C-alpha cells in the first residue's frame, strides 16, 4: 500500500470509529408519566392502559428498552389525583398522559414545561388549557371525548327506550367535572322541555349521595337517570348500576362499561380508539414535535349499546328501530 493510500485509510477508519461506537450505545431511555382516572383494580382502566402500551410498542417504544412508563391511578379521589400529579411531575418525564379532566387539571397546575397529552377534557379552550383546537399554543394538546350537546342526545335516547320517563336526573360530581358539572345542562334542559321531562340535577360526592339520589328517583314512577362521564361516577359504576336496578330506574350511561356491568343503555365515544390515537401523539412528541403545534382532536367513533336483559327486567319494550341502530346488543 502506498503512503498516501495508507494515510487515507487511517483517516477513513478514524472517522468511522465514533459512528460505530455510537451505534453500539444503548438507545436513550424515555419516560412517560400516566395519570389514569380509575382505581388500579378497575378492569376497564387496565384494558385502556394495555391498549395504550400496545400501540406505543407498535410505534417502536418498548418498555425496558427505550421507554419507561410510570402509572398512577386517581380512582375518582381529588386529593389522591393532586398528590399523584405532583409525584409524576417530580419524576421529570419526557411527556405526560392525563386521562380525563380531573387528571389534566391536576397535572396542568404542576407544570407548564413538560408536554401533556390529555384524553377527555370537555372544553379545553374554555378551561384555558389550550388557545385553540387548531393550534394549542402551549405544553398541552390531546383528544376530547364528550361535547355539551350530548346532554340532549342522552335524554332523547333514554326517552326513546323508556317513554314513561317524566323526570330525569343528571348525576355528576361537581368537584371533579368542568364548570362544576354544568357543562351538559343547557342541552339537557332544552331537550327536557321539548320532551316534557322534568330536569333534575343530582350532585354526588360520596356513595351516600349516590344512594340518596337513586332512592329519590325510585320513590315515584317515571324517574330516569343520566350519568355524566367523569372519574367519580366511573369508579362507582357497579354501585350505580346495582342501585338503578334495585329502584327500577331506567338509566343512560356514557360508555359501554355500564351496560356490560348490567346497566340499561350507553352512548359515547370508543375510548380504546381514543387512547390508541393518544399514543400516536405521545410518539410524535418523543420524536421531537411540540404539543403547541399538534391540533386537539375530537372522537371519530361512537358506540350505542343496550342491555336487553336489563330492559326486560324493567319491563321495557325496546323499539326494533333502536336495536337496528345499536352497535352492540347485550343479551
C-alpha atoms as a PDB file:
ATOM      1  CA  UNK A   1       0.000   0.000   0.000  1.00  0.00           C
ATOM      2  CA  UNK A   2       1.369   3.403  -0.950  1.00  0.00           C
ATOM      3  CA  UNK A   3       1.945   6.001   1.799  1.00  0.00           C
ATOM      4  CA  UNK A   4      -0.854   8.337   0.567  1.00  0.00           C
ATOM      5  CA  UNK A   5      -3.352   5.415   0.374  1.00  0.00           C
ATOM      6  CA  UNK A   6      -2.374   4.282   3.869  1.00  0.00           C
ATOM      7  CA  UNK A   7      -2.979   7.752   5.332  1.00  0.00           C
ATOM      8  CA  UNK A   8      -6.348   7.949   3.552  1.00  0.00           C
ATOM      9  CA  UNK A   9      -7.283   4.538   5.004  1.00  0.00           C
ATOM     10  CA  UNK A  10      -6.366   5.633   8.525  1.00  0.00           C
ATOM     11  CA  UNK A  11      -8.393   8.848   8.180  1.00  0.00           C
ATOM     12  CA  UNK A  12     -11.459   6.960   6.972  1.00  0.00           C
ATOM     13  CA  UNK A  13     -11.190   4.418   9.770  1.00  0.00           C
ATOM     14  CA  UNK A  14     -10.840   7.140  12.398  1.00  0.00           C
ATOM     15  CA  UNK A  15     -13.957   8.842  11.092  1.00  0.00           C
ATOM     16  CA  UNK A  16     -15.884   5.558  11.187  1.00  0.00           C
ATOM     17  CA  UNK A  17     -14.894   4.632  14.763  1.00  0.00           C
ATOM     18  CA  UNK A  18     -17.094   7.233  16.519  1.00  0.00           C
ATOM     19  CA  UNK A  19     -20.044   6.227  14.324  1.00  0.00           C
ATOM     20  CA  UNK A  20     -19.580   2.569  15.195  1.00  0.00           C
ATOM     21  CA  UNK A  21     -19.207   3.427  18.872  1.00  0.00           C
ATOM     22  CA  UNK A  22     -22.427   5.443  18.793  1.00  0.00           C
ATOM     23  CA  UNK A  23     -24.244   2.572  17.098  1.00  0.00           C
ATOM     24  CA  UNK A  24     -23.265   0.250  19.934  1.00  0.00           C
ATOM     25  CA  UNK A  25     -24.512   2.599  22.655  1.00  0.00           C
ATOM     26  CA  UNK A  26     -27.964   1.772  24.079  1.00  0.00           C
ATOM     27  CA  UNK A  27     -30.868   3.973  22.964  1.00  0.00           C
ATOM     28  CA  UNK A  28     -31.705   6.744  25.425  1.00  0.00           C
ATOM     29  CA  UNK A  29     -34.457   5.712  27.808  1.00  0.00           C
ATOM     30  CA  UNK A  30     -37.506   7.980  27.595  1.00  0.00           C
ATOM     31  CA  UNK A  31     -40.004   8.405  30.409  1.00  0.00           C
ATOM     32  CA  UNK A  32     -43.797   8.721  30.186  1.00  0.00           C
ATOM     33  CA  UNK A  33     -45.967   9.627  33.162  1.00  0.00           C
ATOM     34  CA  UNK A  34     -49.565   8.397  33.025  1.00  0.00           C
ATOM     35  CA  UNK A  35     -52.341   9.555  35.363  1.00  0.00           C
ATOM     36  CA  UNK A  36     -55.423   7.346  34.970  1.00  0.00           C
ATOM     37  CA  UNK A  37     -58.896   8.124  36.288  1.00  0.00           C
ATOM     38  CA  UNK A  38     -59.903   4.729  37.709  1.00  0.00           C
ATOM     39  CA  UNK A  39     -58.615   2.568  40.541  1.00  0.00           C
ATOM     40  CA  UNK A  40     -55.764   0.215  39.664  1.00  0.00           C
ATOM     41  CA  UNK A  41     -58.064  -2.770  40.219  1.00  0.00           C
ATOM     42  CA  UNK A  42     -60.537  -1.465  37.612  1.00  0.00           C
ATOM     43  CA  UNK A  43     -60.657  -3.843  34.626  1.00  0.00           C
ATOM     44  CA  UNK A  44     -61.668  -1.063  32.228  1.00  0.00           C
ATOM     45  CA  UNK A  45     -58.741   1.127  33.245  1.00  0.00           C
ATOM     46  CA  UNK A  46     -56.367  -1.806  32.848  1.00  0.00           C
ATOM     47  CA  UNK A  47     -57.749  -2.548  29.367  1.00  0.00           C
ATOM     48  CA  UNK A  48     -57.264   1.082  28.353  1.00  0.00           C
ATOM     49  CA  UNK A  49     -53.697   1.102  29.659  1.00  0.00           C
ATOM     50  CA  UNK A  50     -52.982  -2.160  27.825  1.00  0.00           C
ATOM     51  CA  UNK A  51     -54.255  -0.648  24.554  1.00  0.00           C
ATOM     52  CA  UNK A  52     -52.025   2.388  25.126  1.00  0.00           C
ATOM     53  CA  UNK A  53     -48.958   0.226  25.758  1.00  0.00           C
ATOM     54  CA  UNK A  54     -49.684  -1.971  22.740  1.00  0.00           C
ATOM     55  CA  UNK A  55     -49.982   0.997  20.389  1.00  0.00           C
ATOM     56  CA  UNK A  56     -46.758   2.504  21.741  1.00  0.00           C
ATOM     57  CA  UNK A  57     -44.963  -0.771  21.088  1.00  0.00           C
ATOM     58  CA  UNK A  58     -46.320  -0.824  17.538  1.00  0.00           C
ATOM     59  CA  UNK A  59     -44.799   2.633  17.135  1.00  0.00           C
ATOM     60  CA  UNK A  60     -41.387   1.428  18.309  1.00  0.00           C
ATOM     61  CA  UNK A  61     -41.484   2.105  22.072  1.00  0.00           C
ATOM     62  CA  UNK A  62     -40.744  -0.974  24.170  1.00  0.00           C
ATOM     63  CA  UNK A  63     -40.805  -0.816  27.966  1.00  0.00           C
ATOM     64  CA  UNK A  64     -37.438  -1.642  29.451  1.00  0.00           C
ATOM     65  CA  UNK A  65     -35.608  -0.983  26.190  1.00  0.00           C
ATOM     66  CA  UNK A  66     -36.265   2.622  25.193  1.00  0.00           C
ATOM     67  CA  UNK A  67     -39.155   3.769  27.366  1.00  0.00           C
ATOM     68  CA  UNK A  68     -40.303   3.657  30.964  1.00  0.00           C
ATOM     69  CA  UNK A  69     -43.977   4.198  31.802  1.00  0.00           C
ATOM     70  CA  UNK A  70     -44.860   5.416  35.303  1.00  0.00           C
ATOM     71  CA  UNK A  71     -48.577   4.913  36.021  1.00  0.00           C
ATOM     72  CA  UNK A  72     -50.662   6.385  38.819  1.00  0.00           C
ATOM     73  CA  UNK A  73     -54.361   5.751  39.458  1.00  0.00           C
ATOM     74  CA  UNK A  74     -56.697   8.582  40.506  1.00  0.00           C
ATOM     75  CA  UNK A  75     -59.725   6.445  41.465  1.00  0.00           C
ATOM     76  CA  UNK A  76     -62.018   9.482  41.404  1.00  0.00           C
ATOM     77  CA  UNK A  77     -60.383  10.951  44.540  1.00  0.00           C
ATOM     78  CA  UNK A  78     -59.453  14.639  44.155  1.00  0.00           C
ATOM     79  CA  UNK A  79     -56.805  14.594  46.904  1.00  0.00           C
ATOM     80  CA  UNK A  80     -55.197  11.448  45.528  1.00  0.00           C
ATOM     81  CA  UNK A  81     -55.210  12.832  41.981  1.00  0.00           C
ATOM     82  CA  UNK A  82     -53.396  16.001  43.062  1.00  0.00           C
ATOM     83  CA  UNK A  83     -50.811  14.028  45.008  1.00  0.00           C
ATOM     84  CA  UNK A  84     -50.139  11.702  42.095  1.00  0.00           C
ATOM     85  CA  UNK A  85     -49.839  14.661  39.714  1.00  0.00           C
ATOM     86  CA  UNK A  86     -47.136  16.255  41.846  1.00  0.00           C
ATOM     87  CA  UNK A  87     -45.347  12.924  42.138  1.00  0.00           C
ATOM     88  CA  UNK A  88     -45.351  12.291  38.388  1.00  0.00           C
ATOM     89  CA  UNK A  89     -44.093  15.782  37.548  1.00  0.00           C
ATOM     90  CA  UNK A  90     -41.347  15.305  40.135  1.00  0.00           C
ATOM     91  CA  UNK A  91     -40.070  12.328  38.118  1.00  0.00           C
ATOM     92  CA  UNK A  92     -39.247  14.725  35.225  1.00  0.00           C
ATOM     93  CA  UNK A  93     -40.818  12.637  32.455  1.00  0.00           C
ATOM     94  CA  UNK A  94     -40.456  13.499  28.775  1.00  0.00           C
ATOM     95  CA  UNK A  95     -44.245  13.605  28.372  1.00  0.00           C
ATOM     96  CA  UNK A  96     -47.387  13.108  30.478  1.00  0.00           C
ATOM     97  CA  UNK A  97     -50.726  11.468  29.658  1.00  0.00           C
ATOM     98  CA  UNK A  98     -53.809  12.738  31.524  1.00  0.00           C
ATOM     99  CA  UNK A  99     -56.960  10.638  31.372  1.00  0.00           C
ATOM    100  CA  UNK A 100     -59.987  12.979  31.617  1.00  0.00           C
ATOM    101  CA  UNK A 101     -60.386  16.469  33.050  1.00  0.00           C
ATOM    102  CA  UNK A 102     -59.613  15.965  36.728  1.00  0.00           C
ATOM    103  CA  UNK A 103     -56.237  14.427  35.908  1.00  0.00           C
ATOM    104  CA  UNK A 104     -55.435  17.136  33.359  1.00  0.00           C
ATOM    105  CA  UNK A 105     -56.349  19.917  35.790  1.00  0.00           C
ATOM    106  CA  UNK A 106     -54.024  18.482  38.424  1.00  0.00           C
ATOM    107  CA  UNK A 107     -51.088  18.000  36.040  1.00  0.00           C
ATOM    108  CA  UNK A 108     -51.551  21.425  34.428  1.00  0.00           C
ATOM    109  CA  UNK A 109     -51.229  23.014  37.870  1.00  0.00           C
ATOM    110  CA  UNK A 110     -47.898  21.286  38.383  1.00  0.00           C
ATOM    111  CA  UNK A 111     -46.100  22.081  35.114  1.00  0.00           C
ATOM    112  CA  UNK A 112     -46.135  24.413  32.146  1.00  0.00           C
ATOM    113  CA  UNK A 113     -42.976  22.920  30.678  1.00  0.00           C
ATOM    114  CA  UNK A 114     -43.493  19.165  30.383  1.00  0.00           C
ATOM    115  CA  UNK A 115     -45.673  18.205  27.382  1.00  0.00           C
ATOM    116  CA  UNK A 116     -49.104  16.874  28.375  1.00  0.00           C
ATOM    117  CA  UNK A 117     -51.427  14.837  26.153  1.00  0.00           C
ATOM    118  CA  UNK A 118     -54.962  14.646  27.508  1.00  0.00           C
ATOM    119  CA  UNK A 119     -57.913  12.389  26.832  1.00  0.00           C
ATOM    120  CA  UNK A 120     -61.380  13.662  27.639  1.00  0.00           C
ATOM    121  CA  UNK A 121     -61.134  17.318  28.656  1.00  0.00           C
ATOM    122  CA  UNK A 122     -64.650  18.556  27.880  1.00  0.00           C
ATOM    123  CA  UNK A 123     -63.847  22.145  26.880  1.00  0.00           C
ATOM    124  CA  UNK A 124     -60.056  22.605  26.708  1.00  0.00           C
ATOM    125  CA  UNK A 125     -60.324  26.100  25.201  1.00  0.00           C
ATOM    126  CA  UNK A 126     -62.924  27.359  27.680  1.00  0.00           C
ATOM    127  CA  UNK A 127     -60.959  25.873  30.567  1.00  0.00           C
ATOM    128  CA  UNK A 128     -57.807  27.650  29.415  1.00  0.00           C
ATOM    129  CA  UNK A 129     -55.764  24.534  28.717  1.00  0.00           C
ATOM    130  CA  UNK A 130     -55.231  25.391  25.035  1.00  0.00           C
ATOM    131  CA  UNK A 131     -55.510  28.548  22.942  1.00  0.00           C
ATOM    132  CA  UNK A 132     -57.453  26.833  20.147  1.00  0.00           C
ATOM    133  CA  UNK A 133     -58.155  23.393  18.754  1.00  0.00           C
ATOM    134  CA  UNK A 134     -56.049  24.041  15.639  1.00  0.00           C
ATOM    135  CA  UNK A 135     -53.039  25.491  17.472  1.00  0.00           C
ATOM    136  CA  UNK A 136     -52.995  24.684  21.190  1.00  0.00           C
ATOM    137  CA  UNK A 137     -50.053  27.029  21.719  1.00  0.00           C
ATOM    138  CA  UNK A 138     -48.622  25.726  24.992  1.00  0.00           C
ATOM    139  CA  UNK A 139     -47.460  22.454  26.535  1.00  0.00           C
ATOM    140  CA  UNK A 140     -50.884  20.766  26.295  1.00  0.00           C
ATOM    141  CA  UNK A 141     -52.776  19.018  23.489  1.00  0.00           C
ATOM    142  CA  UNK A 142     -54.936  15.943  23.166  1.00  0.00           C
ATOM    143  CA  UNK A 143     -58.329  14.452  22.433  1.00  0.00           C
ATOM    144  CA  UNK A 144     -61.795  15.484  23.516  1.00  0.00           C
ATOM    145  CA  UNK A 145     -64.320  12.710  24.091  1.00  0.00           C
ATOM    146  CA  UNK A 146     -67.599  14.401  25.012  1.00  0.00           C
ATOM    147  CA  UNK A 147     -69.209  17.675  23.950  1.00  0.00           C
ATOM    148  CA  UNK A 148     -72.138  19.562  25.507  1.00  0.00           C
ATOM    149  CA  UNK A 149     -74.847  18.609  23.002  1.00  0.00           C
ATOM    150  CA  UNK A 150     -74.651  15.044  24.308  1.00  0.00           C
ATOM    151  CA  UNK A 151     -76.723  16.176  27.304  1.00  0.00           C
ATOM    152  CA  UNK A 152     -79.716  16.379  24.962  1.00  0.00           C
ATOM    153  CA  UNK A 153     -78.789  13.264  22.974  1.00  0.00           C
ATOM    154  CA  UNK A 154     -78.649  11.153  26.136  1.00  0.00           C
ATOM    155  CA  UNK A 155     -82.064  12.292  27.325  1.00  0.00           C
ATOM    156  CA  UNK A 156     -83.713  11.791  23.921  1.00  0.00           C
ATOM    157  CA  UNK A 157     -82.256   8.273  23.685  1.00  0.00           C
ATOM    158  CA  UNK A 158     -83.394   7.398  27.201  1.00  0.00           C
ATOM    159  CA  UNK A 159     -86.894   8.675  26.438  1.00  0.00           C
ATOM    160  CA  UNK A 160     -86.998   6.556  23.264  1.00  0.00           C
ATOM    161  CA  UNK A 161     -86.337   3.365  25.211  1.00  0.00           C
ATOM    162  CA  UNK A 162     -88.240   4.367  28.368  1.00  0.00           C
ATOM    163  CA  UNK A 163     -91.097   6.580  27.087  1.00  0.00           C
ATOM    164  CA  UNK A 164     -92.760   6.720  30.530  1.00  0.00           C
ATOM    165  CA  UNK A 165     -89.862   8.869  31.808  1.00  0.00           C
ATOM    166  CA  UNK A 166     -91.256  12.182  33.092  1.00  0.00           C
ATOM    167  CA  UNK A 167     -88.434  13.167  35.466  1.00  0.00           C
ATOM    168  CA  UNK A 168     -84.721  12.697  34.740  1.00  0.00           C
ATOM    169  CA  UNK A 169     -81.706  13.396  36.923  1.00  0.00           C
ATOM    170  CA  UNK A 170     -78.289  14.314  35.591  1.00  0.00           C
ATOM    171  CA  UNK A 171     -75.844  12.638  38.020  1.00  0.00           C
ATOM    172  CA  UNK A 172     -72.467  14.352  38.381  1.00  0.00           C
ATOM    173  CA  UNK A 173     -69.740  15.111  40.906  1.00  0.00           C
ATOM    174  CA  UNK A 174     -69.324  18.923  40.664  1.00  0.00           C
ATOM    175  CA  UNK A 175     -65.918  18.828  42.366  1.00  0.00           C
ATOM    176  CA  UNK A 176     -64.375  16.854  39.509  1.00  0.00           C
ATOM    177  CA  UNK A 177     -66.116  17.928  36.304  1.00  0.00           C
ATOM    178  CA  UNK A 178     -65.675  21.065  34.223  1.00  0.00           C
ATOM    179  CA  UNK A 179     -67.940  24.053  35.098  1.00  0.00           C
ATOM    180  CA  UNK A 180     -68.899  22.311  38.348  1.00  0.00           C
ATOM    181  CA  UNK A 181     -70.955  19.796  36.390  1.00  0.00           C
ATOM    182  CA  UNK A 182     -72.932  22.367  34.375  1.00  0.00           C
ATOM    183  CA  UNK A 183     -71.270  21.558  31.037  1.00  0.00           C
ATOM    184  CA  UNK A 184     -74.222  19.479  29.776  1.00  0.00           C
ATOM    185  CA  UNK A 185     -77.003  21.487  31.437  1.00  0.00           C
ATOM    186  CA  UNK A 186     -78.128  23.732  28.522  1.00  0.00           C
ATOM    187  CA  UNK A 187     -78.624  20.861  26.071  1.00  0.00           C
ATOM    188  CA  UNK A 188     -80.106  18.645  28.770  1.00  0.00           C
ATOM    189  CA  UNK A 189     -82.607  21.270  29.863  1.00  0.00           C
ATOM    190  CA  UNK A 190     -83.543  22.170  26.290  1.00  0.00           C
ATOM    191  CA  UNK A 191     -84.225  18.510  25.456  1.00  0.00           C
ATOM    192  CA  UNK A 192     -86.188  18.102  28.690  1.00  0.00           C
ATOM    193  CA  UNK A 193     -88.503  20.977  27.740  1.00  0.00           C
ATOM    194  CA  UNK A 194     -89.052  19.531  24.252  1.00  0.00           C
ATOM    195  CA  UNK A 195     -89.755  16.040  25.630  1.00  0.00           C
ATOM    196  CA  UNK A 196     -91.968  17.184  28.577  1.00  0.00           C
ATOM    197  CA  UNK A 197     -89.480  15.811  31.092  1.00  0.00           C
ATOM    198  CA  UNK A 198     -88.674  17.493  34.416  1.00  0.00           C
ATOM    199  CA  UNK A 199     -84.876  18.065  34.568  1.00  0.00           C
ATOM    200  CA  UNK A 200     -83.156  17.389  37.883  1.00  0.00           C
ATOM    201  CA  UNK A 201     -79.509  17.687  38.900  1.00  0.00           C
ATOM    202  CA  UNK A 202     -78.112  15.080  41.290  1.00  0.00           C
ATOM    203  CA  UNK A 203     -74.779  16.242  42.717  1.00  0.00           C
ATOM    204  CA  UNK A 204     -72.892  13.271  44.155  1.00  0.00           C
ATOM    205  CA  UNK A 205     -69.679  13.491  46.140  1.00  0.00           C
ATOM    206  CA  UNK A 206     -69.929  10.231  48.080  1.00  0.00           C
ATOM    207  CA  UNK A 207     -71.503   6.794  47.851  1.00  0.00           C
ATOM    208  CA  UNK A 208     -74.131   8.049  50.288  1.00  0.00           C
ATOM    209  CA  UNK A 209     -75.095  10.767  47.792  1.00  0.00           C
ATOM    210  CA  UNK A 210     -75.446   8.140  45.063  1.00  0.00           C
ATOM    211  CA  UNK A 211     -77.723   6.051  47.264  1.00  0.00           C
ATOM    212  CA  UNK A 212     -79.855   9.078  48.169  1.00  0.00           C
ATOM    213  CA  UNK A 213     -80.204  10.158  44.520  1.00  0.00           C
ATOM    214  CA  UNK A 214     -81.352   6.733  43.304  1.00  0.00           C
ATOM    215  CA  UNK A 215     -83.675   6.322  46.268  1.00  0.00           C
ATOM    216  CA  UNK A 216     -85.304   9.677  45.451  1.00  0.00           C
ATOM    217  CA  UNK A 217     -85.706   8.789  41.768  1.00  0.00           C
ATOM    218  CA  UNK A 218     -87.277   5.447  42.643  1.00  0.00           C
ATOM    219  CA  UNK A 219     -89.885   6.814  45.034  1.00  0.00           C
ATOM    220  CA  UNK A 220     -92.247   7.827  42.206  1.00  0.00           C
ATOM    221  CA  UNK A 221     -92.917   6.245  38.808  1.00  0.00           C
ATOM    222  CA  UNK A 222     -91.385   7.897  35.757  1.00  0.00           C
ATOM    223  CA  UNK A 223     -87.916   8.563  37.122  1.00  0.00           C
ATOM    224  CA  UNK A 224     -84.905   8.308  34.828  1.00  0.00           C
ATOM    225  CA  UNK A 225     -81.158   8.759  35.254  1.00  0.00           C
ATOM    226  CA  UNK A 226     -78.345  10.111  33.092  1.00  0.00           C
ATOM    227  CA  UNK A 227     -74.830   9.539  34.401  1.00  0.00           C
ATOM    228  CA  UNK A 228     -72.261  12.152  33.369  1.00  0.00           C
ATOM    229  CA  UNK A 229     -68.831  10.868  32.305  1.00  0.00           C
ATOM    230  CA  UNK A 230     -66.233  11.595  34.978  1.00  0.00           C
ATOM    231  CA  UNK A 231     -63.865   9.844  37.358  1.00  0.00           C
ATOM    232  CA  UNK A 232     -66.173   9.564  40.355  1.00  0.00           C
ATOM    233  CA  UNK A 233     -69.150   8.001  38.574  1.00  0.00           C
ATOM    234  CA  UNK A 234     -66.809   5.704  36.638  1.00  0.00           C
ATOM    235  CA  UNK A 235     -65.197   4.494  39.847  1.00  0.00           C
ATOM    236  CA  UNK A 236     -68.618   3.735  41.362  1.00  0.00           C
ATOM    237  CA  UNK A 237     -70.065   2.233  38.189  1.00  0.00           C
ATOM    238  CA  UNK A 238     -71.191  -1.048  39.758  1.00  0.00           C
ATOM    239  CA  UNK A 239     -72.879   0.677  42.698  1.00  0.00           C
ATOM    240  CA  UNK A 240     -74.822   2.999  40.386  1.00  0.00           C
ATOM    241  CA  UNK A 241     -75.920   0.124  38.126  1.00  0.00           C
ATOM    242  CA  UNK A 242     -76.968  -2.004  41.119  1.00  0.00           C
ATOM    243  CA  UNK A 243     -78.996   0.786  42.738  1.00  0.00           C
ATOM    244  CA  UNK A 244     -80.656   1.723  39.422  1.00  0.00           C
ATOM    245  CA  UNK A 245     -81.816  -1.894  39.106  1.00  0.00           C
ATOM    246  CA  UNK A 246     -82.937  -2.029  42.743  1.00  0.00           C
ATOM    247  CA  UNK A 247     -85.078   1.108  42.379  1.00  0.00           C
ATOM    248  CA  UNK A 248     -86.185   0.181  38.828  1.00  0.00           C
ATOM    249  CA  UNK A 249     -84.837   3.401  37.341  1.00  0.00           C
ATOM    250  CA  UNK A 250     -84.043   3.345  33.586  1.00  0.00           C
ATOM    251  CA  UNK A 251     -80.614   4.856  33.102  1.00  0.00           C
ATOM    252  CA  UNK A 252     -78.444   6.210  30.304  1.00  0.00           C
ATOM    253  CA  UNK A 253     -74.674   5.921  30.711  1.00  0.00           C
ATOM    254  CA  UNK A 254     -71.667   7.492  28.930  1.00  0.00           C
ATOM    255  CA  UNK A 255     -69.799   4.324  27.888  1.00  0.00           C
ATOM    256  CA  UNK A 256     -70.297   0.621  27.234  1.00  0.00           C
ATOM    257  CA  UNK A 257     -68.741  -0.490  30.518  1.00  0.00           C
ATOM    258  CA  UNK A 258     -72.002   0.395  32.282  1.00  0.00           C
ATOM    259  CA  UNK A 259     -74.322  -1.845  30.219  1.00  0.00           C
ATOM    260  CA  UNK A 260     -71.600  -4.504  30.279  1.00  0.00           C
ATOM    261  CA  UNK A 261     -71.997  -4.368  34.077  1.00  0.00           C
ATOM    262  CA  UNK A 262     -75.791  -4.604  33.866  1.00  0.00           C
ATOM    263  CA  UNK A 263     -76.770  -1.004  33.063  1.00  0.00           C
ATOM    264  CA  UNK A 264     -79.512  -0.259  30.532  1.00  0.00           C
ATOM    265  CA  UNK A 265     -78.066   1.920  27.726  1.00  0.00           C
ATOM    266  CA  UNK A 266     -74.895   3.783  26.867  1.00  0.00           C
ATOM    267  CA  UNK A 267     -73.873   6.196  24.160  1.00  0.00           C
ATOM    268  CA  UNK A 268     -70.403   7.624  23.901  1.00  0.00           C
ATOM    269  CA  UNK A 269     -67.032   7.527  22.168  1.00  0.00           C
ATOM    270  CA  UNK A 270     -64.958   4.399  21.680  1.00  0.00           C
ATOM    271  CA  UNK A 271     -62.386   5.021  24.416  1.00  0.00           C
ATOM    272  CA  UNK A 272     -59.970   2.340  23.255  1.00  0.00           C
ATOM    273  CA  UNK A 273     -59.800   4.033  19.869  1.00  0.00           C
ATOM    274  CA  UNK A 274     -59.106   7.403  21.515  1.00  0.00           C
ATOM    275  CA  UNK A 275     -56.356   6.068  23.763  1.00  0.00           C
ATOM    276  CA  UNK A 276     -54.642   4.422  20.783  1.00  0.00           C
ATOM    277  CA  UNK A 277     -54.718   7.770  18.990  1.00  0.00           C
ATOM    278  CA  UNK A 278     -53.216   9.436  22.075  1.00  0.00           C
ATOM    279  CA  UNK A 279     -50.293   7.010  21.898  1.00  0.00           C
ATOM    280  CA  UNK A 280     -49.564   8.323  18.405  1.00  0.00           C
ATOM    281  CA  UNK A 281     -49.323  11.873  19.805  1.00  0.00           C
ATOM    282  CA  UNK A 282     -47.015  10.665  22.570  1.00  0.00           C
ATOM    283  CA  UNK A 283     -44.835   9.071  19.882  1.00  0.00           C
ATOM    284  CA  UNK A 284     -44.687  12.287  17.863  1.00  0.00           C
ATOM    285  CA  UNK A 285     -43.722  14.335  20.934  1.00  0.00           C
ATOM    286  CA  UNK A 286     -40.992  11.861  21.916  1.00  0.00           C
ATOM    287  CA  UNK A 287     -39.612  12.216  18.387  1.00  0.00           C
ATOM    288  CA  UNK A 288     -39.377  15.995  18.678  1.00  0.00           C
ATOM    289  CA  UNK A 289     -42.724  17.534  17.752  1.00  0.00           C
ATOM    290  CA  UNK A 290     -44.219  20.211  20.004  1.00  0.00           C
ATOM    291  CA  UNK A 291     -47.672  19.881  21.634  1.00  0.00           C
ATOM    292  CA  UNK A 292     -48.273  23.531  20.745  1.00  0.00           C
ATOM    293  CA  UNK A 293     -48.387  22.507  17.082  1.00  0.00           C
ATOM    294  CA  UNK A 294     -50.429  19.293  17.391  1.00  0.00           C
ATOM    295  CA  UNK A 295     -54.159  20.095  16.995  1.00  0.00           C
ATOM    296  CA  UNK A 296     -56.697  18.979  19.556  1.00  0.00           C
ATOM    297  CA  UNK A 297     -58.839  16.260  18.004  1.00  0.00           C
ATOM    298  CA  UNK A 298     -62.423  15.098  18.549  1.00  0.00           C
ATOM    299  CA  UNK A 299     -63.550  11.450  18.698  1.00  0.00           C
ATOM    300  CA  UNK A 300     -64.324   9.732  15.412  1.00  0.00           C
ATOM    301  CA  UNK A 301     -66.019   6.543  16.683  1.00  0.00           C
ATOM    302  CA  UNK A 302     -69.136   6.390  18.882  1.00  0.00           C
ATOM    303  CA  UNK A 303     -70.944   3.365  20.336  1.00  0.00           C
ATOM    304  CA  UNK A 304     -74.637   2.824  21.142  1.00  0.00           C
ATOM    305  CA  UNK A 305     -75.029  -0.165  23.471  1.00  0.00           C
ATOM    306  CA  UNK A 306     -78.117  -1.665  25.133  1.00  0.00           C
ATOM    307  CA  UNK A 307     -78.502  -4.473  27.642  1.00  0.00           C
ATOM    308  CA  UNK A 308     -81.696  -6.325  26.649  1.00  0.00           C
ATOM    309  CA  UNK A 309     -81.753  -8.399  29.820  1.00  0.00           C
ATOM    310  CA  UNK A 310     -81.904  -5.195  31.857  1.00  0.00           C
ATOM    311  CA  UNK A 311     -84.570  -3.726  29.570  1.00  0.00           C
ATOM    312  CA  UNK A 312     -86.741  -6.805  30.082  1.00  0.00           C
ATOM    313  CA  UNK A 313     -86.231  -6.682  33.855  1.00  0.00           C
ATOM    314  CA  UNK A 314     -87.509  -3.081  33.786  1.00  0.00           C
ATOM    315  CA  UNK A 315     -90.493  -4.084  31.657  1.00  0.00           C
ATOM    316  CA  UNK A 316     -89.359  -2.022  28.661  1.00  0.00           C
ATOM    317  CA  UNK A 317     -90.264  -2.838  25.054  1.00  0.00           C
ATOM    318  CA  UNK A 318     -87.250  -1.709  23.049  1.00  0.00           C
ATOM    319  CA  UNK A 319     -88.239  -0.488  19.551  1.00  0.00           C
ATOM    320  CA  UNK A 320     -86.904  -2.586  16.697  1.00  0.00           C
ATOM    321  CA  UNK A 321     -85.549   0.572  15.075  1.00  0.00           C
ATOM    322  CA  UNK A 322     -83.402   1.148  18.151  1.00  0.00           C
ATOM    323  CA  UNK A 323     -81.990  -2.381  18.063  1.00  0.00           C
ATOM    324  CA  UNK A 324     -81.090  -1.958  14.403  1.00  0.00           C
ATOM    325  CA  UNK A 325     -79.133   1.242  15.210  1.00  0.00           C
ATOM    326  CA  UNK A 326     -77.324  -0.228  18.206  1.00  0.00           C
ATOM    327  CA  UNK A 327     -73.646  -1.086  17.789  1.00  0.00           C
ATOM    328  CA  UNK A 328     -73.949  -3.763  20.448  1.00  0.00           C
ATOM    329  CA  UNK A 329     -76.918  -5.600  21.969  1.00  0.00           C
ATOM    330  CA  UNK A 330     -76.077  -7.413  25.204  1.00  0.00           C
ATOM    331  CA  UNK A 331     -78.370 -10.373  25.852  1.00  0.00           C
END
